[in-house]
Amino acid sequence: MKSYDLRSIWICKECSSTFSFRSDVEEHVEKMGHNNINEYDMMSGKLLSED
């Protein structure tokens, strides 16, 4: 587990799946081919990055 895993949540815009760990996001991208995933700060709810 990385320190950023405790600060972020990722949501796939293609299928609405949510992830708490970046490794799960990477696995989802690899298996499903979904690349449109947003990262949000869990404390503020602000969008951190948009893929």
PDB file of N, CA and C in Angstrom:
ATOM      1  N   MET A   1       0.848  -1.173   0.000  1.00  0.00           N
ATOM      2  CA  MET A   1       0.000   0.000   0.000  1.00  0.00           C
ATOM      3  C   MET A   1       0.894   1.236   0.000  1.00  0.00           C
ATOM      4  N   LYS A   2       0.517   2.200  -0.800  1.00  0.00           N
ATOM      5  CA  LYS A   2       1.241   3.467  -0.895  1.00  0.00           C
ATOM      6  C   LYS A   2       0.511   4.522  -0.071  1.00  0.00           C
ATOM      7  N   SER A   3       1.214   5.575   0.343  1.00  0.00           N
ATOM      8  CA  SER A   3       0.597   6.617   1.169  1.00  0.00           C
ATOM      9  C   SER A   3      -0.539   7.325   0.445  1.00  0.00           C
ATOM     10  N   TYR A   4      -0.443   7.476  -0.893  1.00  0.00           N
ATOM     11  CA  TYR A   4      -1.515   8.151  -1.625  1.00  0.00           C
ATOM     12  C   TYR A   4      -2.786   7.318  -1.669  1.00  0.00           C
ATOM     13  N   ASP A   5      -2.683   6.014  -1.418  1.00  0.00           N
ATOM     14  CA  ASP A   5      -3.873   5.168  -1.394  1.00  0.00           C
ATOM     15  C   ASP A   5      -4.820   5.569  -0.267  1.00  0.00           C
ATOM     16  N   LEU A   6      -4.310   6.187   0.763  1.00  0.00           N
ATOM     17  CA  LEU A   6      -5.152   6.570   1.898  1.00  0.00           C
ATOM     18  C   LEU A   6      -5.796   7.936   1.706  1.00  0.00           C
ATOM     19  N   ARG A   7      -5.441   8.638   0.653  1.00  0.00           N
ATOM     20  CA  ARG A   7      -5.957   9.991   0.423  1.00  0.00           C
ATOM     21  C   ARG A   7      -6.892  10.097  -0.759  1.00  0.00           C
ATOM     22  N   SER A   8      -6.924   9.088  -1.611  1.00  0.00           N
ATOM     23  CA  SER A   8      -7.653   9.197  -2.872  1.00  0.00           C
ATOM     24  C   SER A   8      -8.672   8.098  -3.047  1.00  0.00           C
ATOM     25  N   ILE A   9      -9.644   8.400  -3.898  1.00  0.00           N
ATOM     26  CA  ILE A   9     -10.590   7.400  -4.390  1.00  0.00           C
ATOM     27  C   ILE A   9     -10.680   7.614  -5.892  1.00  0.00           C
ATOM     28  N   TRP A  10     -10.767   6.524  -6.625  1.00  0.00           N
ATOM     29  CA  TRP A  10     -10.833   6.598  -8.080  1.00  0.00           C
ATOM     30  C   TRP A  10     -12.190   6.084  -8.528  1.00  0.00           C
ATOM     31  N   ILE A  11     -12.753   6.741  -9.553  1.00  0.00           N
ATOM     32  CA  ILE A  11     -14.046   6.335 -10.099  1.00  0.00           C
ATOM     33  C   ILE A  11     -13.915   6.220 -11.613  1.00  0.00           C
ATOM     34  N   CYS A  12     -14.270   5.056 -12.131  1.00  0.00           N
ATOM     35  CA  CYS A  12     -14.249   4.827 -13.574  1.00  0.00           C
ATOM     36  C   CYS A  12     -15.476   5.493 -14.181  1.00  0.00           C
ATOM     37  N   LYS A  13     -15.254   6.392 -15.118  1.00  0.00           N
ATOM     38  CA  LYS A  13     -16.362   7.093 -15.757  1.00  0.00           C
ATOM     39  C   LYS A  13     -17.070   6.228 -16.794  1.00  0.00           C
ATOM     40  N   GLU A  14     -16.465   5.115 -17.148  1.00  0.00           N
ATOM     41  CA  GLU A  14     -17.055   4.245 -18.160  1.00  0.00           C
ATOM     42  C   GLU A  14     -18.035   3.236 -17.564  1.00  0.00           C
ATOM     43  N   CYS A  15     -17.774   2.781 -16.324  1.00  0.00           N
ATOM     44  CA  CYS A  15     -18.648   1.757 -15.734  1.00  0.00           C
ATOM     45  C   CYS A  15     -19.039   2.065 -14.286  1.00  0.00           C
ATOM     46  N   SER A  16     -18.599   3.212 -13.770  1.00  0.00           N
ATOM     47  CA  SER A  16     -18.922   3.672 -12.414  1.00  0.00           C
ATOM     48  C   SER A  16     -18.319   2.817 -11.300  1.00  0.00           C
ATOM     49  N   SER A  17     -17.336   1.997 -11.613  1.00  0.00           N
ATOM     50  CA  SER A  17     -16.641   1.235 -10.573  1.00  0.00           C
ATOM     51  C   SER A  17     -15.811   2.203  -9.730  1.00  0.00           C
ATOM     52  N   THR A  18     -15.704   1.916  -8.432  1.00  0.00           N
ATOM     53  CA  THR A  18     -14.906   2.751  -7.541  1.00  0.00           C
ATOM     54  C   THR A  18     -13.767   1.932  -6.955  1.00  0.00           C
ATOM     55  N   PHE A  19     -12.649   2.623  -6.691  1.00  0.00           N
ATOM     56  CA  PHE A  19     -11.454   1.948  -6.213  1.00  0.00           C
ATOM     57  C   PHE A  19     -10.810   2.753  -5.097  1.00  0.00           C
ATOM     58  N   SER A  20     -10.250   2.050  -4.129  1.00  0.00           N
ATOM     59  CA  SER A  20      -9.545   2.683  -3.017  1.00  0.00           C
ATOM     60  C   SER A  20      -8.033   2.583  -3.168  1.00  0.00           C
ATOM     61  N   PHE A  21      -7.579   1.724  -4.064  1.00  0.00           N
ATOM     62  CA  PHE A  21      -6.150   1.495  -4.235  1.00  0.00           C
ATOM     63  C   PHE A  21      -5.759   1.656  -5.699  1.00  0.00           C
ATOM     64  N   ARG A  22      -4.640   2.341  -5.918  1.00  0.00           N
ATOM     65  CA  ARG A  22      -4.164   2.572  -7.280  1.00  0.00           C
ATOM     66  C   ARG A  22      -3.890   1.250  -7.999  1.00  0.00           C
ATOM     67  N   SER A  23      -3.430   0.250  -7.283  1.00  0.00           N
ATOM     68  CA  SER A  23      -3.155  -1.044  -7.908  1.00  0.00           C
ATOM     69  C   SER A  23      -4.437  -1.655  -8.486  1.00  0.00           C
ATOM     70  N   ASP A  24      -5.566  -1.431  -7.822  1.00  0.00           N
ATOM     71  CA  ASP A  24      -6.849  -1.917  -8.344  1.00  0.00           C
ATOM     72  C   ASP A  24      -7.244  -1.160  -9.604  1.00  0.00           C
ATOM     73  N   VAL A  25      -6.937   0.134  -9.638  1.00  0.00           N
ATOM     74  CA  VAL A  25      -7.216   0.948 -10.834  1.00  0.00           C
ATOM     75  C   VAL A  25      -6.393   0.417 -12.003  1.00  0.00           C
ATOM     76  N   GLU A  26      -5.125   0.180 -11.762  1.00  0.00           N
ATOM     77  CA  GLU A  26      -4.239  -0.318 -12.815  1.00  0.00           C
ATOM     78  C   GLU A  26      -4.709  -1.673 -13.338  1.00  0.00           C
ATOM     79  N   GLU A  27      -5.164  -2.537 -12.438  1.00  0.00           N
ATOM     80  CA  GLU A  27      -5.679  -3.843 -12.834  1.00  0.00           C
ATOM     81  C   GLU A  27      -6.964  -3.684 -13.660  1.00  0.00           C
ATOM     82  N   HIS A  28      -7.833  -2.770 -13.264  1.00  0.00           N
ATOM     83  CA  HIS A  28      -9.079  -2.511 -13.985  1.00  0.00           C
ATOM     84  C   HIS A  28      -8.784  -2.016 -15.403  1.00  0.00           C
ATOM     85  N   VAL A  29      -7.846  -1.102 -15.517  1.00  0.00           N
ATOM     86  CA  VAL A  29      -7.467  -0.580 -16.841  1.00  0.00           C
ATOM     87  C   VAL A  29      -6.933  -1.705 -17.714  1.00  0.00           C
ATOM     88  N   GLU A  30      -6.100  -2.552 -17.130  1.00  0.00           N
ATOM     89  CA  GLU A  30      -5.506  -3.655 -17.881  1.00  0.00           C
ATOM     90  C   GLU A  30      -6.550  -4.676 -18.330  1.00  0.00           C
ATOM     91  N   LYS A  31      -7.443  -5.063 -17.417  1.00  0.00           N
ATOM     92  CA  LYS A  31      -8.416  -6.116 -17.722  1.00  0.00           C
ATOM     93  C   LYS A  31      -9.604  -5.627 -18.539  1.00  0.00           C
ATOM     94  N   MET A  32     -10.106  -4.425 -18.215  1.00  0.00           N
ATOM     95  CA  MET A  32     -11.318  -3.928 -18.855  1.00  0.00           C
ATOM     96  C   MET A  32     -11.050  -2.968 -20.014  1.00  0.00           C
ATOM     97  N   GLY A  33      -9.859  -2.396 -20.045  1.00  0.00           N
ATOM     98  CA  GLY A  33      -9.536  -1.440 -21.102  1.00  0.00           C
ATOM     99  C   GLY A  33     -10.139  -0.066 -20.886  1.00  0.00           C
ATOM    100  N   HIS A  34     -10.672   0.177 -19.696  1.00  0.00           N
ATOM    101  CA  HIS A  34     -11.259   1.478 -19.379  1.00  0.00           C
ATOM    102  C   HIS A  34     -10.149   2.429 -18.933  1.00  0.00           C
ATOM    103  N   ASN A  35     -10.002   3.534 -19.629  1.00  0.00           N
ATOM    104  CA  ASN A  35      -8.946   4.487 -19.322  1.00  0.00           C
ATOM    105  C   ASN A  35      -9.481   5.809 -18.791  1.00  0.00           C
ATOM    106  N   ASN A  36     -10.770   5.961 -18.729  1.00  0.00           N
ATOM    107  CA  ASN A  36     -11.396   7.213 -18.336  1.00  0.00           C
ATOM    108  C   ASN A  36     -11.741   7.170 -16.842  1.00  0.00           C
ATOM    109  N   ILE A  37     -10.725   7.400 -16.000  1.00  0.00           N
ATOM    110  CA  ILE A  37     -10.870   7.252 -14.555  1.00  0.00           C
ATOM    111  C   ILE A  37     -10.463   8.542 -13.865  1.00  0.00           C
ATOM    112  N   ASN A  38     -11.320   9.021 -12.980  1.00  0.00           N
ATOM    113  CA  ASN A  38     -11.041  10.243 -12.225  1.00  0.00           C
ATOM    114  C   ASN A  38     -10.549   9.910 -10.827  1.00  0.00           C
ATOM    115  N   GLU A  39      -9.614  10.722 -10.340  1.00  0.00           N
ATOM    116  CA  GLU A  39      -9.095  10.572  -8.987  1.00  0.00           C
ATOM    117  C   GLU A  39      -9.598  11.733  -8.141  1.00  0.00           C
ATOM    118  N   TYR A  40     -10.153  11.425  -6.975  1.00  0.00           N
ATOM    119  CA  TYR A  40     -10.695  12.434  -6.073  1.00  0.00           C
ATOM    120  C   TYR A  40     -10.004  12.366  -4.716  1.00  0.00           C
ATOM    121  N   ASP A  41      -9.821  13.526  -4.103  1.00  0.00           N
ATOM    122  CA  ASP A  41      -9.322  13.605  -2.734  1.00  0.00           C
ATOM    123  C   ASP A  41     -10.457  13.205  -1.803  1.00  0.00           C
ATOM    124  N   MET A  42     -10.218  12.246  -0.920  1.00  0.00           N
ATOM    125  CA  MET A  42     -11.285  11.753  -0.044  1.00  0.00           C
ATOM    126  C   MET A  42     -11.704  12.764   1.011  1.00  0.00           C
ATOM    127  N   MET A  43     -10.795  13.621   1.440  1.00  0.00           N
ATOM    128  CA  MET A  43     -11.128  14.587   2.486  1.00  0.00           C
ATOM    129  C   MET A  43     -11.952  15.753   1.938  1.00  0.00           C
ATOM    130  N   SER A  44     -11.560  16.290   0.793  1.00  0.00           N
ATOM    131  CA  SER A  44     -12.234  17.464   0.259  1.00  0.00           C
ATOM    132  C   SER A  44     -13.258  17.132  -0.820  1.00  0.00           C
ATOM    133  N   GLY A  45     -13.127  15.970  -1.446  1.00  0.00           N
ATOM    134  CA  GLY A  45     -14.011  15.605  -2.541  1.00  0.00           C
ATOM    135  C   GLY A  45     -13.618  16.246  -3.858  1.00  0.00           C
ATOM    136  N   LYS A  46     -12.492  16.976  -3.877  1.00  0.00           N
ATOM    137  CA  LYS A  46     -12.064  17.661  -5.084  1.00  0.00           C
ATOM    138  C   LYS A  46     -11.435  16.692  -6.081  1.00  0.00           C
ATOM    139  N   LEU A  47     -11.662  16.995  -7.351  1.00  0.00           N
ATOM    140  CA  LEU A  47     -11.063  16.232  -8.430  1.00  0.00           C
ATOM    141  C   LEU A  47      -9.571  16.503  -8.458  1.00  0.00           C
ATOM    142  N   LEU A  48      -8.757  15.450  -8.386  1.00  0.00           N
ATOM    143  CA  LEU A  48      -7.304  15.594  -8.408  1.00  0.00           C
ATOM    144  C   LEU A  48      -6.745  15.392  -9.800  1.00  0.00           C
ATOM    145  N   SER A  49      -7.253  14.408 -10.508  1.00  0.00           N
ATOM    146  CA  SER A  49      -6.802  14.177 -11.877  1.00  0.00           C
ATOM    147  C   SER A  49      -7.907  13.516 -12.682  1.00  0.00           C
ATOM    148  N   GLU A  50      -7.878  13.812 -13.942  1.00  0.00           N
ATOM    149  CA  GLU A  50      -8.871  13.264 -14.860  1.00  0.00           C
ATOM    150  C   GLU A  50      -8.124  12.587 -15.981  1.00  0.00           C
ATOM    151  N   ASP A  51      -8.334  11.276 -16.133  1.00  0.00           N
ATOM    152  CA  ASP A  51      -7.658  10.525 -17.199  1.00  0.00           C
ATOM    153  C   ASP A  51      -8.589  10.362 -18.372  1.00  0.00           C
TER     154      ASP A  51
END
